[in-house]
Amino acid sequence: MNEKEIMNIESLYLANVFSKKPLIFTRGKGVLLWDINGKEYIDCASSYGIAALGHCHPKIVTAIKTQAEQLITLHSCYYNDKRAEFIQKLINITPKGLNKAFLSNSGAEAVECAIKLARKATGKTEIISIMGAYHGKTMGALSLTWDKKYRDPFMPLIPDIKHVTPDNPDKIHEAITDKTAAVIIEPIRGEGGIRVPIDNYLQQVQEICNEKGILLIFDEVQTSFGRTGKLFCCQHWNVTPDVMCLAKPFAGGLPIGITIARENIMSAFKIGEHSTTFSGSPLVCAAGCAALDVLIEEDLAGKAAANGKYFKSQLEELASKHKIVKEVRGLGLMLGMELRYDVYGVIMKALSKGVLVIDAGRTVVRILPPLIISKEQIDKVVKVLDEILGEEENERSSSTVSN
């Protein structure tokens, strides 16, 4: 099929719910993608953080091929060797005390499980979320998500959800009642603009939760797997939640969601109270085993810390050079560059110059490259962004003069 046919078929038969870019990608390797015409791109979006290992990592490919020849699917009412191997590898690296998991297929599903678990374990219904948070678009996860553009078309959502201002422990304390089951927080708000919490915020929230006897849930769907320079973002502040939601890169690119909790909390679920048909697929778990091996063996968290520091410093130089850059934020290779206006034009210009970046709200360029990105590739990306910011400044200056 040619380009026009492919685009027409997707437009005709797929639900119109994605903001499509006029590009067709057919191949990927490492940090690079190639479109249908063979043009090369540096991927600094990694499918919204999924491709943390890059595209088609050889160990992931081998694991999938090998497992596909043995057993692809098996319901979790039976035991399986790859499922057992994956969950053991996972428990070995999660923060101490988080030792009981439920496997699903996406970050939103991981959050849905956390909602049900919090209510079942506590016998209470209220959950406190943060303004600016994003937790997914299924009904429960959407109820926790702040942005009205996602929420309003589907009201009413599930009841007893409260939203409070970020970085203010007092507001959480004030919102707690005798009906409160849990507080859910993204350690770094991704969709909300790559917002790193203020010092001691997470520690203070944990103290409040402990004092009030309510659960602390961290949504680390985007911030875990070494992305921020630690295996799990909460480790930057030495805070371990009661429940943690994981997803995106943990199966090397295949669909996965993980809700992991303290055993005494997860044991609140009884047989049949929560399940999904594809939970713990052998194929996905085989890819997950390989992904966790690569994460540890190649010290990708360490690489993210070092290269993220370098990448951020280069973006900060752009900020000092270009007045249209308001601020650079982030940890590791979870970075955001806030501009003084809408970033859509910057994103599209970057695409035309062979670099994929995404937004985090209307004014923030979000940068989530594979953790294997090299300094040479970072330099290329920064050079492209430098060119684009200069072009944008010149265009706006010319527009101001002509008006």
Protein backbone atom coordinates (compact mmCIF):
# COMPACT_ATOMS: atom_id res chain seq x y z
CA MET A 1 0.00 0.00 0.00
CA ASN A 2 1.13 3.53 -0.68
CA GLU A 3 1.02 6.44 1.77
CA LYS A 4 -2.38 7.71 0.70
CA GLU A 5 -3.97 4.26 0.94
CA ILE A 6 -2.59 3.63 4.42
CA MET A 7 -3.79 6.98 5.75
CA ASN A 8 -7.21 6.60 4.11
CA ILE A 9 -7.76 3.12 5.57
CA GLU A 10 -6.86 4.22 9.11
CA SER A 11 -9.04 7.31 8.79
CA LEU A 12 -11.95 5.28 7.41
CA TYR A 13 -11.96 2.37 9.84
CA LEU A 14 -10.31 3.51 13.09
CA ALA A 15 -12.03 5.65 15.73
CA ASN A 16 -11.07 9.29 15.34
CA VAL A 17 -9.60 9.71 18.82
CA PHE A 18 -5.90 10.28 18.15
CA SER A 19 -4.34 13.55 17.06
CA LYS A 20 -2.61 12.15 14.00
CA LYS A 21 0.61 13.45 12.50
CA PRO A 22 0.99 13.01 8.71
CA LEU A 23 3.74 10.41 8.95
CA ILE A 24 3.85 6.65 8.41
CA PHE A 25 6.57 4.81 10.32
CA THR A 26 7.49 1.33 9.17
CA ARG A 27 10.75 0.49 10.95
CA GLY A 28 12.66 1.23 14.14
CA LYS A 29 16.01 0.35 15.65
CA GLY A 30 17.39 1.69 18.87
CA VAL A 31 16.70 5.42 19.15
CA LEU A 32 15.87 5.73 15.46
CA LEU A 33 12.69 5.42 13.41
CA TRP A 34 12.28 5.38 9.62
CA ASP A 35 9.20 6.46 7.73
CA ILE A 36 7.74 4.77 4.68
CA ASN A 37 10.04 6.78 2.42
CA GLY A 38 13.17 5.81 4.35
CA LYS A 39 13.67 9.15 6.11
CA GLU A 40 15.42 8.77 9.50
CA TYR A 41 14.17 10.31 12.75
CA ILE A 42 15.59 10.52 16.28
CA ASP A 43 12.78 9.38 18.55
CA CYS A 44 12.52 11.59 21.63
CA ALA A 45 8.94 10.50 22.31
CA SER A 46 9.45 6.71 22.50
CA SER A 47 5.68 6.15 22.14
CA TYR A 48 5.00 8.26 25.23
CA GLY A 49 7.72 6.48 27.18
CA ILE A 50 7.04 2.88 26.14
CA ALA A 51 10.21 2.38 24.09
CA ALA A 52 12.61 3.01 26.98
CA LEU A 53 14.91 0.31 25.62
CA GLY A 54 14.67 1.74 22.13
CA HIS A 55 12.99 0.02 19.24
CA CYS A 56 13.43 -3.68 18.55
CA HIS A 57 16.08 -4.29 21.20
CA PRO A 58 17.72 -7.59 20.16
CA LYS A 59 17.15 -9.23 23.55
CA ILE A 60 13.45 -8.35 23.44
CA VAL A 61 13.13 -9.63 19.88
CA THR A 62 14.86 -12.91 20.78
CA ALA A 63 12.72 -13.39 23.87
CA ILE A 64 9.50 -12.84 21.92
CA LYS A 65 10.54 -15.17 19.11
CA THR A 66 11.58 -17.92 21.50
CA GLN A 67 8.43 -17.68 23.62
CA ALA A 68 6.13 -17.47 20.58
CA GLU A 69 7.34 -20.89 19.52
CA GLN A 70 6.55 -22.36 22.95
CA LEU A 71 3.39 -20.75 24.35
CA ILE A 72 1.80 -17.42 23.49
CA THR A 73 -1.20 -17.18 25.79
CA LEU A 74 -2.34 -18.83 29.00
CA HIS A 75 -5.02 -17.69 31.40
CA SER A 76 -3.84 -16.93 34.93
CA CYS A 77 -6.04 -19.68 36.36
CA TYR A 78 -3.04 -21.86 35.43
CA TYR A 79 0.59 -21.43 36.56
CA ASN A 80 3.32 -20.54 34.07
CA ASP A 81 7.11 -20.52 34.19
CA LYS A 82 7.62 -17.17 32.40
CA ARG A 83 5.03 -15.45 34.53
CA ALA A 84 6.76 -16.70 37.66
CA GLU A 85 10.17 -15.64 36.35
CA PHE A 86 8.91 -12.16 35.45
CA ILE A 87 7.20 -11.47 38.74
CA GLN A 88 10.22 -12.65 40.71
CA LYS A 89 12.53 -10.35 38.72
CA LEU A 90 10.13 -7.48 39.31
CA ILE A 91 9.81 -8.02 43.06
CA ASN A 92 13.60 -8.16 43.31
CA ILE A 93 13.92 -4.54 42.15
CA THR A 94 10.82 -2.82 43.56
CA PRO A 95 11.07 -0.74 46.75
CA LYS A 96 11.12 -2.90 49.86
CA GLY A 97 7.68 -3.92 51.03
CA LEU A 98 5.98 -3.82 47.63
CA ASN A 99 5.80 -7.56 47.09
CA LYS A 100 2.39 -8.53 45.73
CA ALA A 101 1.33 -7.65 42.17
CA PHE A 102 -1.54 -7.80 39.74
CA LEU A 103 -0.69 -7.89 36.03
CA SER A 104 -2.86 -6.19 33.43
CA ASN A 105 -2.45 -4.55 30.03
CA SER A 106 -2.00 -0.78 30.44
CA GLY A 107 -1.35 2.07 32.80
CA ALA A 108 -5.03 2.96 33.00
CA GLU A 109 -5.82 -0.63 34.00
CA ALA A 110 -3.12 -0.49 36.66
CA VAL A 111 -4.81 2.61 38.07
CA GLU A 112 -8.27 1.02 37.91
CA CYS A 113 -6.94 -1.86 39.97
CA ALA A 114 -5.46 0.57 42.49
CA ILE A 115 -8.81 2.34 42.90
CA LYS A 116 -10.65 -0.92 43.57
CA LEU A 117 -7.89 -2.13 45.86
CA ALA A 118 -7.89 1.06 47.93
CA ARG A 119 -11.64 0.86 48.44
CA LYS A 120 -11.62 -2.84 49.21
CA ALA A 121 -8.63 -2.72 51.58
CA THR A 122 -9.90 0.25 53.59
CA GLY A 123 -13.65 -0.13 53.34
CA LYS A 124 -13.78 3.58 52.44
CA THR A 125 -14.65 5.33 49.19
CA GLU A 126 -12.94 8.72 48.88
CA ILE A 127 -9.74 9.14 46.91
CA ILE A 128 -7.76 12.38 46.81
CA SER A 129 -6.00 13.25 43.56
CA ILE A 130 -3.92 16.23 42.46
CA MET A 131 -4.86 19.11 40.18
CA GLY A 132 -2.88 18.77 36.98
CA ALA A 133 -2.65 15.00 37.34
CA TYR A 134 -3.17 12.53 34.51
CA HIS A 135 -3.99 8.91 35.32
CA GLY A 136 -5.69 7.60 32.19
CA LYS A 137 -9.00 7.73 30.30
CA THR A 138 -10.97 4.72 31.51
CA MET A 139 -13.81 5.80 33.81
CA GLY A 140 -12.04 5.31 37.13
CA ALA A 141 -8.68 6.64 35.96
CA LEU A 142 -10.45 9.52 34.24
CA SER A 143 -12.17 10.41 37.50
CA LEU A 144 -8.73 10.90 39.04
CA THR A 145 -7.44 12.87 36.04
CA TRP A 146 -7.75 16.64 36.40
CA ASP A 147 -8.05 18.16 32.92
CA LYS A 148 -11.66 19.12 32.12
CA LYS A 149 -11.18 18.54 28.39
CA TYR A 150 -10.89 14.83 29.16
CA ARG A 151 -13.50 14.73 31.93
CA ASP A 152 -16.42 16.91 30.91
CA PRO A 153 -17.78 14.85 27.98
CA PHE A 154 -18.18 11.81 30.23
CA MET A 155 -19.71 13.24 33.37
CA PRO A 156 -20.84 12.02 35.81
CA LEU A 157 -17.73 10.05 36.67
CA ILE A 158 -17.23 7.84 39.71
CA PRO A 159 -18.14 9.60 42.96
CA ASP A 160 -16.05 10.53 45.99
CA ILE A 161 -13.01 11.84 44.11
CA LYS A 162 -11.42 15.07 45.36
CA HIS A 163 -8.78 17.16 43.62
CA VAL A 164 -6.42 19.40 45.58
CA THR A 165 -3.70 21.84 44.57
CA PRO A 166 -0.23 20.35 44.01
CA ASP A 167 2.82 20.78 46.23
CA ASN A 168 0.66 21.70 49.21
CA PRO A 169 0.48 19.00 51.91
CA ASP A 170 -1.89 21.16 53.96
CA LYS A 171 -4.53 20.91 51.24
CA ILE A 172 -4.34 17.12 51.35
CA HIS A 173 -4.64 17.21 55.12
CA GLU A 174 -7.71 19.46 54.88
CA ALA A 175 -9.38 17.21 52.28
CA ILE A 176 -9.14 14.03 54.34
CA THR A 177 -12.34 12.83 56.01
CA ASP A 178 -13.39 9.65 57.75
CA LYS A 179 -14.40 8.37 54.29
CA THR A 180 -10.94 8.81 52.71
CA ALA A 181 -9.33 5.63 51.43
CA ALA A 182 -6.23 6.91 49.63
CA VAL A 183 -4.19 9.70 48.10
CA ILE A 184 -2.86 9.14 44.56
CA ILE A 185 0.11 11.13 43.21
CA GLU A 186 2.39 11.12 40.17
CA PRO A 187 5.87 11.69 41.64
CA ILE A 188 6.49 13.88 38.59
CA ARG A 189 3.40 15.12 36.76
CA GLY A 190 3.98 14.18 33.13
CA GLU A 191 0.96 15.29 31.14
CA GLY A 192 0.68 18.19 33.57
CA GLY A 193 3.90 19.73 32.26
CA ILE A 194 6.83 17.68 33.66
CA ARG A 195 6.35 19.12 37.13
CA VAL A 196 8.90 17.97 39.71
CA PRO A 197 7.54 18.22 43.28
CA ILE A 198 8.92 20.72 45.75
CA ASP A 199 11.39 19.51 48.37
CA ASN A 200 9.92 17.31 51.13
CA TYR A 201 6.45 17.28 49.56
CA LEU A 202 6.21 13.52 49.08
CA GLN A 203 7.68 12.86 52.52
CA GLN A 204 5.09 15.14 54.10
CA VAL A 205 2.26 13.49 52.19
CA GLN A 206 3.44 10.08 53.38
CA GLU A 207 3.53 11.32 56.97
CA ILE A 208 -0.04 12.59 56.63
CA CYS A 209 -1.22 9.30 55.16
CA ASN A 210 0.46 7.34 57.94
CA GLU A 211 -1.00 9.63 60.58
CA LYS A 212 -4.52 9.33 59.17
CA GLY A 213 -4.32 5.64 58.35
CA ILE A 214 -4.97 6.03 54.63
CA LEU A 215 -3.17 4.54 51.64
CA LEU A 216 -0.57 6.34 49.54
CA ILE A 217 -0.65 5.39 45.86
CA PHE A 218 2.04 6.45 43.40
CA ASP A 219 1.28 6.44 39.69
CA GLU A 220 4.71 5.67 38.26
CA VAL A 221 3.46 4.62 34.84
CA GLN A 222 5.70 7.21 33.17
CA THR A 223 8.32 7.85 35.85
CA SER A 224 9.60 4.33 36.61
CA PHE A 225 11.90 1.86 34.81
CA GLY A 226 14.94 4.11 35.24
CA ARG A 227 13.37 7.02 33.35
CA THR A 228 14.26 9.69 35.96
CA GLY A 229 17.70 8.32 36.88
CA LYS A 230 16.42 5.92 39.56
CA LEU A 231 14.68 2.58 38.99
CA PHE A 232 11.58 4.17 40.53
CA CYS A 233 11.09 7.91 40.82
CA CYS A 234 9.97 7.72 44.45
CA GLN A 235 13.51 6.61 45.32
CA HIS A 236 14.73 10.17 44.74
CA TRP A 237 12.90 11.10 47.94
CA ASN A 238 13.21 7.78 49.83
CA VAL A 239 9.44 7.42 49.95
CA THR A 240 7.78 4.04 49.41
CA PRO A 241 4.03 4.09 48.74
CA ASP A 242 1.55 1.45 49.81
CA VAL A 243 0.50 0.86 46.20
CA MET A 244 2.33 1.63 42.96
CA CYS A 245 1.04 1.66 39.38
CA LEU A 246 3.46 0.69 36.61
CA ALA A 247 3.18 0.10 32.85
CA LYS A 248 4.67 1.39 29.56
CA PRO A 249 8.25 -0.03 29.18
CA PHE A 250 8.07 -3.04 31.50
CA ALA A 251 7.43 -5.50 28.67
CA GLY A 252 9.88 -4.07 26.16
CA GLY A 253 7.10 -2.57 24.01
CA LEU A 254 4.30 -5.09 24.48
CA PRO A 255 1.16 -4.08 26.43
CA ILE A 256 1.46 -4.41 30.19
CA GLY A 257 0.12 -2.86 33.37
CA ILE A 258 1.26 -3.65 36.90
CA THR A 259 -0.34 -2.77 40.22
CA ILE A 260 2.03 -3.67 43.02
CA ALA A 261 1.29 -3.28 46.73
CA ARG A 262 2.19 -4.35 50.20
CA GLU A 263 1.04 -7.92 50.76
CA ASN A 264 -1.39 -7.03 53.56
CA ILE A 265 -3.11 -4.59 51.20
CA MET A 266 -3.25 -6.75 48.07
CA SER A 267 -4.59 -9.64 50.14
CA ALA A 268 -7.83 -7.65 50.51
CA PHE A 269 -8.75 -8.94 47.05
CA LYS A 270 -10.50 -12.30 47.13
CA ILE A 271 -10.68 -14.78 44.25
CA GLY A 272 -12.80 -13.40 41.43
CA GLU A 273 -12.98 -9.82 42.69
CA HIS A 274 -10.52 -8.48 40.11
CA SER A 275 -9.18 -10.11 36.95
CA THR A 276 -8.47 -9.64 33.25
CA THR A 277 -8.27 -12.30 30.53
CA PHE A 278 -4.78 -11.37 29.36
CA SER A 279 -3.23 -11.05 32.84
CA GLY A 280 0.31 -12.41 32.82
CA SER A 281 0.46 -13.58 29.21
CA PRO A 282 3.53 -15.83 28.74
CA LEU A 283 4.56 -13.85 25.65
CA VAL A 284 4.37 -10.52 27.48
CA CYS A 285 6.11 -11.92 30.55
CA ALA A 286 8.95 -13.32 28.41
CA ALA A 287 9.47 -9.87 26.92
CA GLY A 288 9.22 -8.42 30.42
CA CYS A 289 11.94 -10.73 31.71
CA ALA A 290 14.26 -9.60 28.92
CA ALA A 291 13.35 -5.94 29.52
CA LEU A 292 14.17 -6.14 33.24
CA ASP A 293 17.45 -7.92 32.46
CA VAL A 294 18.47 -5.15 30.06
CA LEU A 295 17.42 -2.47 32.55
CA ILE A 296 19.72 -3.87 35.23
CA GLU A 297 22.59 -5.30 33.16
CA GLU A 298 23.03 -2.12 31.10
CA ASP A 299 22.47 0.18 34.12
CA LEU A 300 19.92 2.21 32.20
CA ALA A 301 18.91 4.17 35.29
CA GLY A 302 22.52 5.30 35.66
CA LYS A 303 22.70 6.19 31.97
CA ALA A 304 19.44 8.13 32.24
CA ALA A 305 20.84 10.07 35.19
CA ALA A 306 24.08 10.97 33.42
CA ASN A 307 22.70 11.65 29.94
CA GLY A 308 19.63 13.33 31.40
CA LYS A 309 21.83 15.76 33.30
CA TYR A 310 23.74 16.51 30.10
CA PHE A 311 20.56 16.83 28.01
CA LYS A 312 18.98 19.17 30.57
CA SER A 313 22.11 21.34 30.69
CA GLN A 314 22.01 21.70 26.89
CA LEU A 315 18.32 22.66 27.01
CA GLU A 316 19.09 25.19 29.71
CA GLU A 317 21.66 26.75 27.39
CA LEU A 318 18.90 27.07 24.80
CA ALA A 319 16.76 28.74 27.44
CA SER A 320 19.48 31.31 28.11
CA LYS A 321 19.82 31.93 24.37
CA HIS A 322 16.16 32.05 23.34
CA LYS A 323 13.79 34.30 25.25
CA ILE A 324 10.76 32.30 24.12
CA VAL A 325 11.89 29.47 26.43
CA LYS A 326 10.37 30.05 29.84
CA GLU A 327 11.80 27.13 31.84
CA VAL A 328 13.45 23.71 31.58
CA ARG A 329 12.31 21.02 34.03
CA GLY A 330 12.67 17.34 34.77
CA LEU A 331 14.79 14.53 36.14
CA GLY A 332 16.86 12.05 34.19
CA LEU A 333 15.46 11.56 30.71
CA MET A 334 12.01 12.88 31.59
CA LEU A 335 12.40 16.47 30.48
CA GLY A 336 10.17 19.40 29.64
CA MET A 337 10.92 22.70 27.96
CA GLU A 338 8.21 25.27 28.63
CA LEU A 339 7.74 27.97 26.01
CA ARG A 340 5.85 31.24 26.22
CA TYR A 341 3.27 30.11 23.66
CA ASP A 342 1.68 27.03 22.10
CA VAL A 343 4.27 24.38 21.14
CA TYR A 344 2.41 22.71 18.25
CA GLY A 345 4.42 24.56 15.62
CA VAL A 346 7.70 23.57 17.29
CA ILE A 347 6.66 19.91 17.38
CA MET A 348 5.71 19.90 13.70
CA LYS A 349 8.91 21.69 12.67
CA ALA A 350 10.92 19.17 14.66
CA LEU A 351 9.19 16.35 12.76
CA SER A 352 10.12 17.96 9.46
CA LYS A 353 13.74 18.08 10.62
CA GLY A 354 13.84 14.45 11.75
CA VAL A 355 13.17 14.69 15.49
CA LEU A 356 10.12 13.37 17.35
CA VAL A 357 9.03 15.26 20.47
CA ILE A 358 5.58 15.54 22.05
CA ASP A 359 3.70 18.02 24.18
CA ALA A 360 2.83 18.06 27.88
CA GLY A 361 0.04 20.57 27.83
CA ARG A 362 -0.17 23.43 25.36
CA THR A 363 3.11 25.16 26.20
CA VAL A 364 5.56 22.38 27.14
CA VAL A 365 7.72 20.33 24.79
CA ARG A 366 8.03 16.91 26.40
CA ILE A 367 11.23 14.92 25.78
CA LEU A 368 11.16 11.18 26.60
CA PRO A 369 13.90 9.52 24.55
CA PRO A 370 14.88 5.87 24.90
CA LEU A 371 17.25 5.46 27.83
CA ILE A 372 19.92 4.24 25.42
CA ILE A 373 20.22 7.62 23.67
CA SER A 374 23.81 8.75 23.13
CA LYS A 375 25.33 12.18 23.70
CA GLU A 376 25.89 12.46 19.96
CA GLN A 377 22.18 11.96 19.36
CA ILE A 378 21.33 14.42 22.15
CA ASP A 379 23.56 17.00 20.46
CA LYS A 380 21.71 16.49 17.17
CA VAL A 381 18.35 16.99 18.87
CA VAL A 382 19.55 20.13 20.65
CA LYS A 383 20.89 21.53 17.37
CA VAL A 384 17.50 20.99 15.72
CA LEU A 385 15.66 22.60 18.63
CA ASP A 386 18.08 25.53 18.55
CA GLU A 387 17.35 26.07 14.86
CA ILE A 388 13.59 25.86 15.39
CA LEU A 389 13.54 28.24 18.35
CA GLY A 390 15.55 30.72 16.33
CA GLU A 391 13.12 30.40 13.42
CA GLU A 392 10.16 30.87 15.74
CA GLU A 393 11.68 34.00 17.26
CA ASN A 394 12.40 35.46 13.84
CA GLU A 395 8.88 34.71 12.61
CA ARG A 396 7.27 36.28 15.65
CA SER A 397 9.56 39.30 15.44
CA SER A 398 8.69 39.77 11.76
CA SER A 399 4.98 39.39 12.52
CA THR A 400 5.20 42.04 15.26
CA VAL A 401 7.00 44.48 12.93
CA SER A 402 4.50 43.97 10.08
CA ASN A 403 1.58 44.59 12.44
